[in-house]
Amino acid sequence: PPASGAQMATDLLRKALARGASDLYLEPKEEEVSVHIRIDGMLYKAKSLGRDIQDVLTFELKRLLRLDTAVKDRPQEGRVVMRSGDVRFDVIAHCLPTRFGENLALKIINRDTFFKTYDQLGLPADDQIALRAALSAQRGLILLTAPLFHGSTTTLYAVMKDLASDGQRKLMSIEAQSICPVPNVSQVSLGENKDDEATLTTLKALASIQPDVCVLGDLLETTNMAGQMIKLASQMLVI
């Protein structure tokens, strides 16, 4: 018998998890539903799906991801925890209406493998020494940004974990979206509706929170915005 929509949705997620994918994308097109997965930063095309199963598959995926199945005309964001065997995964889902149906993008986070060492990130030994020397400062501001899918997120979290390892400093991060919890770090996520005003208001709150070290993760939308953020943060922290 043909697989049910729920079974198809579960199988699709399980296959992505089994391959160690960090992202899964479903993009409706005129004649098919294109499927891609991202593994170690590289994008791979999987077997496309038929338009005849698009509606039921989208419905079941949205249900699994705790998105509102009745909403089809506006973007949605959701986050769930799933298990595959003994491994727990955080799945961050974004749903976006398009001409041919709803586009689904899933970020899959395996907490057991998400945090990378500097060696795993490919950072040369001399650069690791210089970075650790800079991170040993008692107070400071860290700004980390890079083009999309160039390792900025994994690098950001490697740096935060390193900073938090001594447990001696008050640490805070401000991110566009918090991906994974880091022990001993107060993480602030601006969310999908972040704007300049919200970002600057968050930065001004640092004056009362007064962290020893603040990490800014990939928040810069414009050169002007970058200047304002760094100016405000530097007024609150001894760089």
Protein backbone atom coordinates (compact mmCIF):
# COMPACT_ATOMS: atom_id res chain seq x y z
CA PRO A 1 0.00 0.00 0.00
CA PRO A 2 1.20 3.58 -0.61
CA ALA A 3 2.88 5.29 2.32
CA SER A 4 0.81 7.72 4.36
CA GLY A 5 1.67 11.40 4.51
CA ALA A 6 2.88 11.02 8.09
CA GLN A 7 5.13 8.11 7.12
CA MET A 8 6.57 10.02 4.15
CA ALA A 9 7.35 13.03 6.35
CA THR A 10 8.99 10.85 9.01
CA ASP A 11 11.01 8.90 6.42
CA LEU A 12 12.25 12.10 4.81
CA LEU A 13 13.48 13.45 8.15
CA ARG A 14 15.06 10.14 9.14
CA LYS A 15 17.00 9.92 5.89
CA ALA A 16 18.35 13.45 6.38
CA LEU A 17 19.35 12.59 9.96
CA ALA A 18 21.00 9.33 8.89
CA ARG A 19 23.16 11.17 6.36
CA GLY A 20 24.29 13.72 8.92
CA ALA A 21 22.60 16.63 7.14
CA SER A 22 22.63 20.02 8.82
CA ASP A 23 19.85 21.38 6.59
CA LEU A 24 16.94 20.01 4.59
CA TYR A 25 15.14 22.08 1.95
CA LEU A 26 11.86 21.42 0.13
CA GLU A 27 11.20 23.81 -2.74
CA PRO A 28 7.93 23.48 -4.72
CA LYS A 29 8.27 24.00 -8.46
CA GLU A 30 5.83 23.89 -11.32
CA GLU A 31 6.26 20.17 -12.04
CA GLU A 32 7.97 18.76 -8.92
CA VAL A 33 9.09 19.41 -5.37
CA SER A 34 12.85 19.87 -5.33
CA VAL A 35 14.68 18.39 -2.31
CA HIS A 36 18.20 19.40 -1.19
CA ILE A 37 20.29 18.55 1.86
CA ARG A 38 23.38 20.26 3.20
CA ILE A 39 26.23 18.17 4.63
CA ASP A 40 29.42 19.80 5.98
CA GLY A 41 28.48 23.03 4.22
CA MET A 42 28.00 21.38 0.80
CA LEU A 43 24.58 21.35 -0.88
CA TYR A 44 23.42 18.09 -2.49
CA LYS A 45 20.34 17.49 -4.63
CA ALA A 46 18.20 14.55 -3.53
CA LYS A 47 15.49 12.78 -5.49
CA SER A 48 12.67 15.15 -6.34
CA LEU A 49 9.14 14.45 -5.16
CA GLY A 50 5.91 14.50 -7.16
CA ARG A 51 3.49 17.39 -6.97
CA ASP A 52 0.73 14.88 -6.22
CA ILE A 53 2.07 14.33 -2.69
CA GLN A 54 3.09 17.94 -2.03
CA ASP A 55 0.04 19.04 -0.04
CA VAL A 56 -0.16 16.02 2.25
CA LEU A 57 3.62 15.95 2.80
CA THR A 58 3.73 19.67 3.62
CA PHE A 59 0.80 19.29 5.99
CA GLU A 60 2.44 16.40 7.87
CA LEU A 61 5.83 18.11 8.06
CA LYS A 62 4.23 21.26 9.45
CA ARG A 63 2.36 19.14 11.99
CA LEU A 64 5.56 17.36 13.06
CA LEU A 65 7.38 20.69 13.31
CA ARG A 66 4.52 22.25 15.30
CA LEU A 67 3.74 24.88 12.71
CA ASP A 68 0.16 26.04 12.20
CA THR A 69 -1.19 23.77 9.44
CA ALA A 70 -4.09 26.15 8.79
CA VAL A 71 -1.77 29.05 7.90
CA LYS A 72 -0.59 28.99 4.29
CA ASP A 73 -0.34 32.66 3.34
CA ARG A 74 2.41 33.95 5.64
CA PRO A 75 5.87 32.85 6.86
CA GLN A 76 6.18 30.74 9.99
CA GLU A 77 9.03 29.67 12.24
CA GLY A 78 9.08 26.80 14.70
CA ARG A 79 11.47 24.73 16.79
CA VAL A 80 11.08 21.16 18.01
CA VAL A 81 13.21 18.46 19.62
CA MET A 82 13.29 15.07 17.92
CA ARG A 83 14.99 11.76 18.64
CA SER A 84 16.53 9.18 16.35
CA GLY A 85 17.60 6.24 18.47
CA ASP A 86 19.55 7.63 21.41
CA VAL A 87 20.45 10.88 19.64
CA ARG A 88 18.50 14.08 20.25
CA PHE A 89 18.16 16.66 17.52
CA ASP A 90 16.93 20.25 17.61
CA VAL A 91 15.09 21.14 14.40
CA ILE A 92 14.49 24.79 13.48
CA ALA A 93 11.89 25.11 10.73
CA HIS A 94 11.00 28.00 8.45
CA CYS A 95 7.98 27.88 6.17
CA LEU A 96 7.61 30.42 3.35
CA PRO A 97 4.66 30.69 0.93
CA THR A 98 5.73 30.74 -2.75
CA ARG A 99 3.95 30.68 -6.10
CA PHE A 100 3.83 26.88 -6.27
CA GLY A 101 3.29 26.13 -2.60
CA GLU A 102 5.03 26.36 0.75
CA ASN A 103 8.80 26.24 0.85
CA LEU A 104 10.20 24.44 3.91
CA ALA A 105 13.72 24.90 5.27
CA LEU A 106 14.85 22.80 8.23
CA LYS A 107 18.05 23.33 10.22
CA ILE A 108 19.02 20.13 12.02
CA ILE A 109 21.26 20.36 15.09
CA ASN A 110 22.84 17.29 16.67
CA ARG A 111 24.04 18.56 20.04
CA ASP A 112 26.51 15.67 20.33
CA THR A 113 28.42 16.79 17.23
CA PHE A 114 27.48 20.46 16.85
CA PHE A 115 30.31 21.91 18.93
CA LYS A 116 33.58 21.79 17.01
CA THR A 117 37.18 22.13 18.15
CA TYR A 118 39.44 24.63 16.47
CA ASP A 119 41.25 21.70 14.85
CA GLN A 120 37.98 20.42 13.40
CA LEU A 121 37.29 23.90 12.05
CA GLY A 122 40.65 23.82 10.24
CA LEU A 123 42.21 26.69 12.16
CA PRO A 124 46.04 26.57 11.89
CA ALA A 125 47.99 26.08 15.14
CA ASP A 126 49.52 29.59 15.06
CA ASP A 127 46.08 31.15 14.60
CA GLN A 128 44.70 29.08 17.48
CA ILE A 129 47.42 30.44 19.78
CA ALA A 130 46.66 34.02 18.72
CA LEU A 131 42.91 33.50 19.12
CA ARG A 132 43.20 31.95 22.59
CA ALA A 133 45.46 34.79 23.67
CA ALA A 134 42.83 37.32 22.59
CA LEU A 135 40.02 35.35 24.25
CA SER A 136 41.92 35.26 27.55
CA ALA A 137 41.27 39.00 28.08
CA GLN A 138 39.15 39.68 31.16
CA ARG A 139 36.81 42.04 29.30
CA GLY A 140 35.99 42.64 25.67
CA LEU A 141 33.74 42.62 22.65
CA ILE A 142 33.84 39.85 20.04
CA LEU A 143 32.31 40.43 16.62
CA LEU A 144 32.13 37.43 14.31
CA THR A 145 30.64 37.51 10.83
CA ALA A 146 31.12 35.75 7.50
CA PRO A 147 29.22 34.99 4.27
CA LEU A 148 26.38 32.49 4.62
CA PHE A 149 27.47 28.83 4.83
CA HIS A 150 31.13 29.74 5.41
CA GLY A 151 31.31 28.40 8.97
CA SER A 152 30.41 31.51 10.95
CA THR A 153 27.86 29.70 13.15
CA THR A 154 30.07 26.74 14.07
CA THR A 155 33.00 29.10 14.66
CA LEU A 156 30.85 31.38 16.83
CA TYR A 157 29.79 28.49 19.04
CA ALA A 158 33.33 27.09 19.27
CA VAL A 159 34.46 30.51 20.50
CA MET A 160 31.61 30.77 23.02
CA LYS A 161 32.30 27.31 24.41
CA ASP A 162 36.00 28.18 24.74
CA LEU A 163 35.16 31.45 26.52
CA ALA A 164 32.78 29.70 28.91
CA SER A 165 35.17 26.88 29.79
CA ASP A 166 36.85 28.73 32.68
CA GLY A 167 33.56 29.85 34.27
CA GLN A 168 35.23 33.00 35.62
CA ARG A 169 33.68 35.68 33.41
CA LYS A 170 30.15 36.95 32.89
CA LEU A 171 29.40 36.12 29.26
CA MET A 172 26.62 37.23 26.95
CA SER A 173 25.87 36.66 23.27
CA ILE A 174 23.53 38.53 20.94
CA GLU A 175 22.59 36.47 17.91
CA ALA A 176 20.14 36.73 15.06
CA GLN A 177 18.92 33.28 16.11
CA SER A 178 20.15 31.15 18.98
CA ILE A 179 21.04 27.74 17.56
CA CYS A 180 22.16 25.74 20.58
CA PRO A 181 22.48 26.47 24.33
CA VAL A 182 25.99 27.10 25.65
CA PRO A 183 26.53 26.54 29.39
CA ASN A 184 27.56 29.68 31.31
CA VAL A 185 26.57 32.03 28.45
CA SER A 186 23.50 34.29 28.57
CA GLN A 187 22.24 34.05 25.00
CA VAL A 188 19.93 36.65 23.46
CA SER A 189 18.15 35.84 20.20
CA LEU A 190 16.73 38.77 18.25
CA GLY A 191 14.39 36.47 16.31
CA GLU A 192 13.18 36.52 12.75
CA ASN A 193 11.66 40.02 13.04
CA LYS A 194 14.84 41.75 14.17
CA ASP A 195 15.29 45.31 12.99
CA ASP A 196 17.77 48.12 13.64
CA GLU A 197 15.75 49.57 16.50
CA ALA A 198 15.38 46.22 18.28
CA THR A 199 19.07 45.47 17.88
CA LEU A 200 20.16 48.84 19.25
CA THR A 201 17.70 48.57 22.15
CA THR A 202 19.21 45.20 23.02
CA LEU A 203 22.69 46.64 22.92
CA LYS A 204 21.70 49.52 25.17
CA ALA A 205 20.46 46.96 27.72
CA LEU A 206 24.09 45.88 28.11
CA ALA A 207 24.62 49.01 30.20
CA SER A 208 22.58 47.48 33.02
CA ILE A 209 23.56 43.85 32.46
CA GLN A 210 27.28 44.68 32.28
CA PRO A 211 28.79 41.41 30.98
CA ASP A 212 32.56 40.98 31.06
CA VAL A 213 32.53 39.70 27.50
CA CYS A 214 29.88 40.22 24.81
CA VAL A 215 29.76 38.19 21.59
CA LEU A 216 27.95 39.64 18.59
CA GLY A 217 27.03 36.96 16.09
CA ASP A 218 26.40 37.90 12.47
CA LEU A 219 23.98 40.78 13.09
CA LEU A 220 25.31 43.37 10.71
CA GLU A 221 22.83 44.31 8.00
CA THR A 222 24.47 47.50 6.78
CA THR A 223 27.77 49.32 7.17
CA ASN A 224 25.97 52.12 9.03
CA MET A 225 24.37 49.61 11.39
CA ALA A 226 27.73 47.95 12.01
CA GLY A 227 29.24 51.27 13.04
CA GLN A 228 26.42 52.06 15.45
CA MET A 229 26.53 48.62 17.06
CA ILE A 230 30.27 48.63 17.61
CA LYS A 231 30.19 52.20 18.94
CA LEU A 232 27.46 51.41 21.46
CA ALA A 233 29.01 48.15 22.59
CA SER A 234 32.46 49.65 22.93
CA GLN A 235 31.04 52.36 25.21
CA MET A 236 29.78 49.66 27.56
CA LEU A 237 32.79 47.37 27.53
CA VAL A 238 36.51 47.89 27.96
CA ILE A 239 37.84 46.55 24.65
